[in-house]
Amino acid sequence: MADEVVLLDDYVSMFGMRARVALAEKGVEYEYREESLQAEKSTLFASDEPGSQASPGLDSQREPHLFWANFVDRKVYDAGRRLSGTKEEEQESGKKDFIAALNLLEGELGDKPYFGGENFGFLDVALIPFYTWFPAFETCGNFSTEEHCPKLIGWAKRCMERESVSKSLADPKKVYDFVLFLKKKYIR
């Protein structure tokens, strides 16, 4: 099993999509195993989980790509989670924070084709899976990402032209259906 890569993933997971894009970019073949976000973790997943290890602080001057990837994981993810939630006040604050976070990322992108300049790189891999969630977030928050962040949407469309991305990301309709499922499940 040492030569075999097994990806435990849920189709709509933005973090799983990130792994699929990275593996495709590197040309690494893997076995895909569906692991529901709603079910208990399988024994294989639980045995390979690294646990909650402390991570060192990030030096935003020396490692800006790590700083921005962490920003995506913390700010964009959290705002999107609140935006697609069931409480109206959370949705509104999530929408505001989501747009603000994307505006900062758009500023970091500038006029470059990718966050790494001419080359598709680490931060592109970290952020592009969120693009498939944009339609669900937009529907929940009644706004247009393209209206607020046109350069970022241009970047996402450029990324989607890459086979590693287009074949690795979830169908936005399935993501939206998943969000609706969660909303129904947790409405009390």
Protein backbone atom coordinates (compact mmCIF):
# COMPACT_ATOMS: atom_id res chain seq x y z
CA MET A 1 0.00 0.00 0.00
CA ALA A 2 3.03 2.29 0.26
CA ASP A 3 2.95 3.01 -3.48
CA GLU A 4 -0.81 3.51 -3.55
CA VAL A 5 -2.53 6.85 -2.92
CA VAL A 6 -6.06 6.65 -1.54
CA LEU A 7 -8.09 9.86 -1.41
CA LEU A 8 -10.89 9.78 1.15
CA ASP A 9 -13.17 12.53 0.00
CA ASP A 10 -16.71 13.83 -0.20
CA TYR A 11 -17.54 15.01 -3.71
CA VAL A 12 -18.70 18.48 -2.55
CA SER A 13 -15.86 19.07 -0.08
CA MET A 14 -13.81 22.08 -1.12
CA PHE A 15 -10.84 20.58 0.71
CA GLY A 16 -11.23 17.29 -1.14
CA MET A 17 -11.49 19.19 -4.43
CA ARG A 18 -8.27 20.95 -3.49
CA ALA A 19 -6.53 17.60 -3.05
CA ARG A 20 -7.92 16.34 -6.38
CA VAL A 21 -6.64 19.44 -8.21
CA ALA A 22 -3.20 19.19 -6.58
CA LEU A 23 -2.89 15.48 -7.38
CA ALA A 24 -3.97 16.10 -10.98
CA GLU A 25 -1.48 18.96 -11.34
CA LYS A 26 1.30 16.67 -10.13
CA GLY A 27 0.14 13.75 -12.29
CA VAL A 28 -0.35 11.49 -9.27
CA GLU A 29 -2.79 8.64 -9.79
CA TYR A 30 -5.00 7.81 -6.84
CA GLU A 31 -7.91 5.70 -5.73
CA TYR A 32 -10.95 7.82 -4.91
CA ARG A 33 -13.10 6.67 -1.99
CA GLU A 34 -16.29 8.52 -1.20
CA GLU A 35 -16.49 9.51 2.46
CA SER A 36 -19.74 11.29 3.38
CA LEU A 37 -19.43 14.50 5.36
CA GLN A 38 -22.62 13.51 7.18
CA ALA A 39 -21.65 9.96 8.17
CA GLU A 40 -19.34 8.68 10.86
CA LYS A 41 -15.72 8.50 9.80
CA SER A 42 -14.56 5.18 8.42
CA THR A 43 -11.84 3.29 10.25
CA LEU A 44 -9.42 4.03 7.39
CA PHE A 45 -10.12 7.75 7.65
CA ALA A 46 -9.88 7.79 11.46
CA SER A 47 -6.58 5.87 11.41
CA ASP A 48 -4.98 8.33 8.98
CA GLU A 49 -6.30 11.53 10.51
CA PRO A 50 -3.40 13.66 11.78
CA GLY A 51 -5.42 15.00 14.71
CA SER A 52 -5.31 18.50 16.06
CA GLN A 53 -1.62 19.25 15.98
CA ALA A 54 -0.54 22.79 16.62
CA SER A 55 0.70 24.56 13.53
CA PRO A 56 3.45 27.16 13.67
CA GLY A 57 2.64 30.80 13.07
CA LEU A 58 2.87 32.04 9.51
CA ASP A 59 5.32 34.74 8.54
CA SER A 60 3.35 36.78 6.00
CA GLN A 61 6.53 38.45 4.71
CA ARG A 62 8.50 35.26 4.00
CA GLU A 63 5.59 33.00 3.10
CA PRO A 64 2.82 35.11 1.58
CA HIS A 65 1.28 32.16 -0.28
CA LEU A 66 0.87 30.31 3.04
CA PHE A 67 -0.59 33.42 4.66
CA TRP A 68 -3.18 33.78 1.89
CA ALA A 69 -4.03 30.06 1.83
CA ASN A 70 -4.62 30.27 5.58
CA PHE A 71 -6.76 33.37 4.95
CA VAL A 72 -8.87 31.36 2.48
CA ASP A 73 -9.28 28.50 4.94
CA ARG A 74 -10.23 30.76 7.81
CA LYS A 75 -11.98 33.83 6.41
CA VAL A 76 -13.52 32.69 3.12
CA TYR A 77 -14.61 29.32 4.50
CA ASP A 78 -16.12 30.80 7.68
CA ALA A 79 -17.95 33.57 5.82
CA GLY A 80 -19.30 31.08 3.27
CA ARG A 81 -20.46 28.74 6.04
CA ARG A 82 -22.36 31.57 7.72
CA LEU A 83 -23.69 32.82 4.40
CA SER A 84 -25.21 29.44 3.58
CA GLY A 85 -26.59 29.00 7.10
CA THR A 86 -30.16 29.17 8.29
CA LYS A 87 -30.14 32.27 10.51
CA GLU A 88 -30.82 35.50 8.66
CA GLU A 89 -28.46 37.66 10.74
CA GLU A 90 -25.64 35.13 10.22
CA GLN A 91 -26.33 35.10 6.49
CA GLU A 92 -26.08 38.88 6.29
CA SER A 93 -22.81 39.09 8.24
CA GLY A 94 -21.49 36.12 6.25
CA LYS A 95 -22.33 37.87 2.99
CA LYS A 96 -20.56 41.05 4.08
CA ASP A 97 -17.47 39.15 5.27
CA PHE A 98 -17.43 36.88 2.20
CA ILE A 99 -17.43 39.82 -0.21
CA ALA A 100 -14.80 41.64 1.89
CA ALA A 101 -12.53 38.57 1.92
CA LEU A 102 -12.88 38.10 -1.84
CA ASN A 103 -12.14 41.80 -2.39
CA LEU A 104 -8.88 41.40 -0.47
CA LEU A 105 -7.99 38.34 -2.54
CA GLU A 106 -8.85 40.22 -5.73
CA GLY A 107 -6.45 42.96 -4.62
CA GLU A 108 -3.74 40.33 -4.08
CA LEU A 109 -4.42 38.90 -7.55
CA GLY A 110 -4.13 42.32 -9.17
CA ASP A 111 -3.70 42.10 -12.94
CA LYS A 112 -1.89 38.75 -12.87
CA PRO A 113 -3.48 35.75 -14.60
CA TYR A 114 -2.87 33.61 -11.48
CA PHE A 115 -1.96 34.38 -7.89
CA GLY A 116 1.55 33.10 -8.62
CA GLY A 117 1.88 35.38 -11.65
CA GLU A 118 2.03 33.55 -14.96
CA ASN A 119 1.94 30.14 -13.28
CA PHE A 120 -0.95 28.30 -11.65
CA GLY A 121 0.23 27.66 -8.11
CA PHE A 122 -0.39 26.99 -4.46
CA LEU A 123 -2.89 29.77 -3.72
CA ASP A 124 -4.78 29.05 -6.94
CA VAL A 125 -5.17 25.42 -5.82
CA ALA A 126 -6.26 26.58 -2.35
CA LEU A 127 -8.97 28.96 -3.58
CA ILE A 128 -10.39 27.48 -6.79
CA PRO A 129 -12.56 24.80 -5.10
CA PHE A 130 -14.59 27.58 -3.46
CA TYR A 131 -15.64 28.71 -6.94
CA THR A 132 -18.06 25.77 -7.23
CA TRP A 133 -19.70 26.98 -4.03
CA PHE A 134 -20.15 30.55 -5.29
CA PRO A 135 -23.57 29.89 -6.91
CA ALA A 136 -24.90 28.42 -3.66
CA PHE A 137 -23.51 31.33 -1.63
CA GLU A 138 -24.92 33.83 -4.14
CA THR A 139 -28.37 32.25 -4.03
CA CYS A 140 -28.40 32.13 -0.22
CA GLY A 141 -27.19 35.73 0.06
CA ASN A 142 -28.96 37.17 -2.98
CA PHE A 143 -25.88 38.79 -4.54
CA SER A 144 -23.51 38.38 -7.48
CA THR A 145 -19.84 37.61 -6.86
CA GLU A 146 -19.03 38.80 -10.38
CA GLU A 147 -20.60 42.18 -9.65
CA HIS A 148 -18.38 42.65 -6.58
CA CYS A 149 -15.22 40.85 -7.79
CA PRO A 150 -15.06 40.72 -11.61
CA LYS A 151 -11.28 40.10 -11.73
CA LEU A 152 -11.62 37.16 -9.36
CA ILE A 153 -14.34 35.62 -11.53
CA GLY A 154 -12.09 36.12 -14.57
CA TRP A 155 -9.33 34.30 -12.68
CA ALA A 156 -11.73 31.45 -11.80
CA LYS A 157 -12.80 31.08 -15.43
CA ARG A 158 -9.13 30.94 -16.46
CA CYS A 159 -8.53 28.24 -13.86
CA MET A 160 -11.52 26.26 -15.15
CA GLU A 161 -9.79 26.06 -18.54
CA ARG A 162 -7.19 23.81 -16.90
CA GLU A 163 -8.06 20.13 -17.19
CA SER A 164 -6.75 19.51 -13.66
CA VAL A 165 -9.34 21.95 -12.34
CA SER A 166 -12.34 21.31 -14.59
CA LYS A 167 -12.18 17.55 -14.01
CA SER A 168 -11.60 17.84 -10.25
CA LEU A 169 -14.25 20.29 -9.11
CA ALA A 170 -17.77 19.36 -8.09
CA ASP A 171 -20.81 20.31 -10.14
CA PRO A 172 -22.12 23.61 -8.66
CA LYS A 173 -25.70 22.24 -8.88
CA LYS A 174 -24.73 19.29 -6.66
CA VAL A 175 -23.07 21.69 -4.23
CA TYR A 176 -26.25 23.80 -4.12
CA ASP A 177 -28.37 20.68 -3.56
CA PHE A 178 -26.04 19.73 -0.70
CA VAL A 179 -26.44 23.20 0.86
CA LEU A 180 -30.25 22.89 0.59
CA PHE A 181 -30.05 19.45 2.22
CA LEU A 182 -28.04 20.91 5.12
CA LYS A 183 -30.41 23.86 5.52
CA LYS A 184 -33.42 21.51 5.74
CA LYS A 185 -31.61 19.19 8.12
CA TYR A 186 -30.66 21.94 10.56
CA ILE A 187 -33.74 24.18 10.44
CA ARG A 188 -35.44 23.85 13.79
